[in-house]
């Protein structure tokens, strides 16, 4: 009779160990899944910021390219709707100071007659 009781006790303890092991596996899988989800969110946010910056840069280049002649005139004059729009696109805090700096640095921005838009924007970013 003792052997039967011990056998039953052993079976019960093994089944509870097995249940414990299954519960631990579930917990570990849950943690791995959460870490994977969290990493995915971080990657998505980082990618989203990069994509937004790239899209913003593309819009800026398109704006400057389409309006290049008039933008150059307004920078030289030190005022105008396009330089105001440029300041807004660049998220400049003080537009009047920015436009004044553009005007005073015209020769540093437009260093040759056949400049590419990207070079002009690069020169503006140095100001």
C-alpha atoms as a PDB file:
ATOM      1  CA  UNK A   1       0.000   0.000   0.000  1.00  0.00           C
ATOM      2  CA  UNK A   2       2.895   2.302   0.782  1.00  0.00           C
ATOM      3  CA  UNK A   3       4.228   1.755  -2.733  1.00  0.00           C
ATOM      4  CA  UNK A   4       0.903   2.763  -4.268  1.00  0.00           C
ATOM      5  CA  UNK A   5       0.677   5.921  -2.175  1.00  0.00           C
ATOM      6  CA  UNK A   6       4.272   6.826  -3.034  1.00  0.00           C
ATOM      7  CA  UNK A   7       3.596   6.173  -6.713  1.00  0.00           C
ATOM      8  CA  UNK A   8       0.495   8.373  -6.663  1.00  0.00           C
ATOM      9  CA  UNK A   9       2.384  11.086  -4.787  1.00  0.00           C
ATOM     10  CA  UNK A  10       5.221  10.884  -7.303  1.00  0.00           C
ATOM     11  CA  UNK A  11       2.811  11.118 -10.246  1.00  0.00           C
ATOM     12  CA  UNK A  12       1.057  14.093  -8.678  1.00  0.00           C
ATOM     13  CA  UNK A  13       4.336  15.864  -7.962  1.00  0.00           C
ATOM     14  CA  UNK A  14       5.580  15.229 -11.497  1.00  0.00           C
ATOM     15  CA  UNK A  15       2.387  16.565 -12.990  1.00  0.00           C
ATOM     16  CA  UNK A  16       2.655  19.683 -10.838  1.00  0.00           C
ATOM     17  CA  UNK A  17       6.303  20.123 -11.855  1.00  0.00           C
ATOM     18  CA  UNK A  18       5.211  19.730 -15.451  1.00  0.00           C
ATOM     19  CA  UNK A  19       2.466  22.325 -14.910  1.00  0.00           C
ATOM     20  CA  UNK A  20       5.001  24.635 -13.264  1.00  0.00           C
ATOM     21  CA  UNK A  21       7.387  24.185 -16.193  1.00  0.00           C
ATOM     22  CA  UNK A  22       4.568  24.932 -18.647  1.00  0.00           C
ATOM     23  CA  UNK A  23       3.663  28.063 -16.690  1.00  0.00           C
ATOM     24  CA  UNK A  24       7.312  29.188 -16.729  1.00  0.00           C
ATOM     25  CA  UNK A  25       7.498  28.555 -20.478  1.00  0.00           C
ATOM     26  CA  UNK A  26       4.369  30.680 -20.965  1.00  0.00           C
ATOM     27  CA  UNK A  27       5.864  33.499 -18.879  1.00  0.00           C
ATOM     28  CA  UNK A  28       9.145  33.403 -20.794  1.00  0.00           C
ATOM     29  CA  UNK A  29       7.367  33.371 -24.165  1.00  0.00           C
ATOM     30  CA  UNK A  30       5.265  36.329 -23.041  1.00  0.00           C
ATOM     31  CA  UNK A  31       8.385  38.290 -22.044  1.00  0.00           C
ATOM     32  CA  UNK A  32      10.140  37.474 -25.331  1.00  0.00           C
ATOM     33  CA  UNK A  33       7.060  38.527 -27.275  1.00  0.00           C
ATOM     34  CA  UNK A  34       6.811  41.808 -25.330  1.00  0.00           C
ATOM     35  CA  UNK A  35      10.506  42.572 -25.883  1.00  0.00           C
ATOM     36  CA  UNK A  36      10.104  41.886 -29.583  1.00  0.00           C
ATOM     37  CA  UNK A  37       7.051  44.173 -29.732  1.00  0.00           C
ATOM     38  CA  UNK A  38       8.851  46.920 -27.789  1.00  0.00           C
ATOM     39  CA  UNK A  39      11.885  46.689 -30.099  1.00  0.00           C
ATOM     40  CA  UNK A  40       9.588  46.863 -33.111  1.00  0.00           C
ATOM     41  CA  UNK A  41       7.994  50.035 -31.741  1.00  0.00           C
ATOM     42  CA  UNK A  42      11.398  51.656 -31.210  1.00  0.00           C
ATOM     43  CA  UNK A  43      12.523  50.709 -34.717  1.00  0.00           C
ATOM     44  CA  UNK A  44       9.282  52.006 -36.210  1.00  0.00           C
ATOM     45  CA  UNK A  45       9.581  55.318 -34.357  1.00  0.00           C
ATOM     46  CA  UNK A  46      13.185  55.715 -35.485  1.00  0.00           C
ATOM     47  CA  UNK A  47      12.298  54.870 -39.063  1.00  0.00           C
ATOM     48  CA  UNK A  48       9.339  57.212 -38.954  1.00  0.00           C
ATOM     49  CA  UNK A  49      11.510  60.122 -37.798  1.00  0.00           C
ATOM     50  CA  UNK A  50      14.045  59.407 -40.517  1.00  0.00           C
ATOM     51  CA  UNK A  51      11.311  59.183 -43.124  1.00  0.00           C
ATOM     52  CA  UNK A  52       9.789  62.459 -41.918  1.00  0.00           C
ATOM     53  CA  UNK A  53      13.167  64.201 -42.049  1.00  0.00           C
ATOM     54  CA  UNK A  54      13.808  62.842 -45.541  1.00  0.00           C
ATOM     55  CA  UNK A  55      10.364  63.935 -46.719  1.00  0.00           C
ATOM     56  CA  UNK A  56      10.875  67.385 -45.194  1.00  0.00           C
ATOM     57  CA  UNK A  57      14.263  67.701 -46.910  1.00  0.00           C
ATOM     58  CA  UNK A  58      12.713  66.653 -50.226  1.00  0.00           C
ATOM     59  CA  UNK A  59       9.960  69.285 -49.875  1.00  0.00           C
ATOM     60  CA  UNK A  60      12.566  71.911 -49.013  1.00  0.00           C
ATOM     61  CA  UNK A  61      14.686  71.022 -52.043  1.00  0.00           C
ATOM     62  CA  UNK A  62      11.651  71.042 -54.318  1.00  0.00           C
ATOM     63  CA  UNK A  63      10.546  74.425 -52.966  1.00  0.00           C
ATOM     64  CA  UNK A  64      14.001  75.939 -53.436  1.00  0.00           C
ATOM     65  CA  UNK A  65      14.374  74.421 -56.895  1.00  0.00           C
ATOM     66  CA  UNK A  66      10.995  75.563 -58.213  1.00  0.00           C
ATOM     67  CA  UNK A  67      11.451  79.065 -56.771  1.00  0.00           C
ATOM     68  CA  UNK A  68      15.211  79.410 -57.218  1.00  0.00           C
ATOM     69  CA  UNK A  69      15.323  82.655 -59.228  1.00  0.00           C
ATOM     70  CA  UNK A  70      12.759  84.534 -57.144  1.00  0.00           C
ATOM     71  CA  UNK A  71      14.224  83.166 -53.909  1.00  0.00           C
ATOM     72  CA  UNK A  72      17.657  84.494 -54.886  1.00  0.00           C
ATOM     73  CA  UNK A  73      16.141  87.930 -55.601  1.00  0.00           C
ATOM     74  CA  UNK A  74      14.320  87.993 -52.260  1.00  0.00           C
ATOM     75  CA  UNK A  75      17.443  86.929 -50.371  1.00  0.00           C
ATOM     76  CA  UNK A  76      19.333  89.747 -52.068  1.00  0.00           C
ATOM     77  CA  UNK A  77      16.573  92.252 -51.173  1.00  0.00           C
ATOM     78  CA  UNK A  78      16.249  90.934 -47.613  1.00  0.00           C
ATOM     79  CA  UNK A  79      12.494  90.395 -47.683  1.00  0.00           C
ATOM     80  CA  UNK A  80       9.712  88.571 -49.475  1.00  0.00           C
ATOM     81  CA  UNK A  81       7.143  85.849 -49.290  1.00  0.00           C
ATOM     82  CA  UNK A  82       9.514  83.095 -50.393  1.00  0.00           C
ATOM     83  CA  UNK A  83      12.179  83.874 -47.780  1.00  0.00           C
ATOM     84  CA  UNK A  84       9.405  83.925 -45.161  1.00  0.00           C
ATOM     85  CA  UNK A  85       8.223  80.533 -46.401  1.00  0.00           C
ATOM     86  CA  UNK A  86      11.800  79.232 -46.352  1.00  0.00           C
ATOM     87  CA  UNK A  87      12.175  80.376 -42.752  1.00  0.00           C
ATOM     88  CA  UNK A  88       8.925  78.613 -41.851  1.00  0.00           C
ATOM     89  CA  UNK A  89      10.019  75.410 -43.564  1.00  0.00           C
ATOM     90  CA  UNK A  90      13.321  75.546 -41.670  1.00  0.00           C
ATOM     91  CA  UNK A  91      11.418  76.207 -38.425  1.00  0.00           C
ATOM     92  CA  UNK A  92      13.358  79.400 -37.736  1.00  0.00           C
ATOM     93  CA  UNK A  93      12.340  81.159 -34.525  1.00  0.00           C
ATOM     94  CA  UNK A  94      13.250  84.718 -35.497  1.00  0.00           C
ATOM     95  CA  UNK A  95      12.460  85.226 -39.178  1.00  0.00           C
ATOM     96  CA  UNK A  96      13.663  88.808 -39.400  1.00  0.00           C
ATOM     97  CA  UNK A  97      17.118  87.920 -38.043  1.00  0.00           C
ATOM     98  CA  UNK A  98      17.266  84.905 -40.341  1.00  0.00           C
ATOM     99  CA  UNK A  99      16.335  86.921 -43.432  1.00  0.00           C
ATOM    100  CA  UNK A 100      18.833  89.611 -42.475  1.00  0.00           C
ATOM    101  CA  UNK A 101      21.565  86.973 -42.163  1.00  0.00           C
ATOM    102  CA  UNK A 102      20.592  85.538 -45.540  1.00  0.00           C
ATOM    103  CA  UNK A 103      20.876  88.970 -47.126  1.00  0.00           C
ATOM    104  CA  UNK A 104      24.234  89.790 -45.538  1.00  0.00           C
ATOM    105  CA  UNK A 105      25.602  86.359 -46.524  1.00  0.00           C
ATOM    106  CA  UNK A 106      24.277  86.364 -50.086  1.00  0.00           C
ATOM    107  CA  UNK A 107      27.799  86.002 -51.514  1.00  0.00           C
ATOM    108  CA  UNK A 108      28.451  83.004 -49.249  1.00  0.00           C
ATOM    109  CA  UNK A 109      25.193  81.341 -50.288  1.00  0.00           C
ATOM    110  CA  UNK A 110      25.453  81.915 -54.031  1.00  0.00           C
ATOM    111  CA  UNK A 111      29.113  81.262 -54.742  1.00  0.00           C
ATOM    112  CA  UNK A 112      28.688  80.693 -58.496  1.00  0.00           C
ATOM    113  CA  UNK A 113      26.073  81.179 -61.191  1.00  0.00           C
ATOM    114  CA  UNK A 114      25.269  77.527 -61.869  1.00  0.00           C
ATOM    115  CA  UNK A 115      24.738  76.292 -58.346  1.00  0.00           C
ATOM    116  CA  UNK A 116      22.626  73.265 -57.558  1.00  0.00           C
ATOM    117  CA  UNK A 117      19.734  73.631 -55.135  1.00  0.00           C
ATOM    118  CA  UNK A 118      21.309  71.200 -52.679  1.00  0.00           C
ATOM    119  CA  UNK A 119      24.477  73.343 -52.556  1.00  0.00           C
ATOM    120  CA  UNK A 120      22.475  76.515 -51.976  1.00  0.00           C
ATOM    121  CA  UNK A 121      20.564  74.868 -49.115  1.00  0.00           C
ATOM    122  CA  UNK A 122      23.809  73.528 -47.687  1.00  0.00           C
ATOM    123  CA  UNK A 123      25.265  77.044 -47.727  1.00  0.00           C
ATOM    124  CA  UNK A 124      22.134  78.434 -46.086  1.00  0.00           C
ATOM    125  CA  UNK A 125      22.388  75.818 -43.347  1.00  0.00           C
ATOM    126  CA  UNK A 126      25.896  77.066 -42.526  1.00  0.00           C
ATOM    127  CA  UNK A 127      24.554  80.505 -41.677  1.00  0.00           C
END
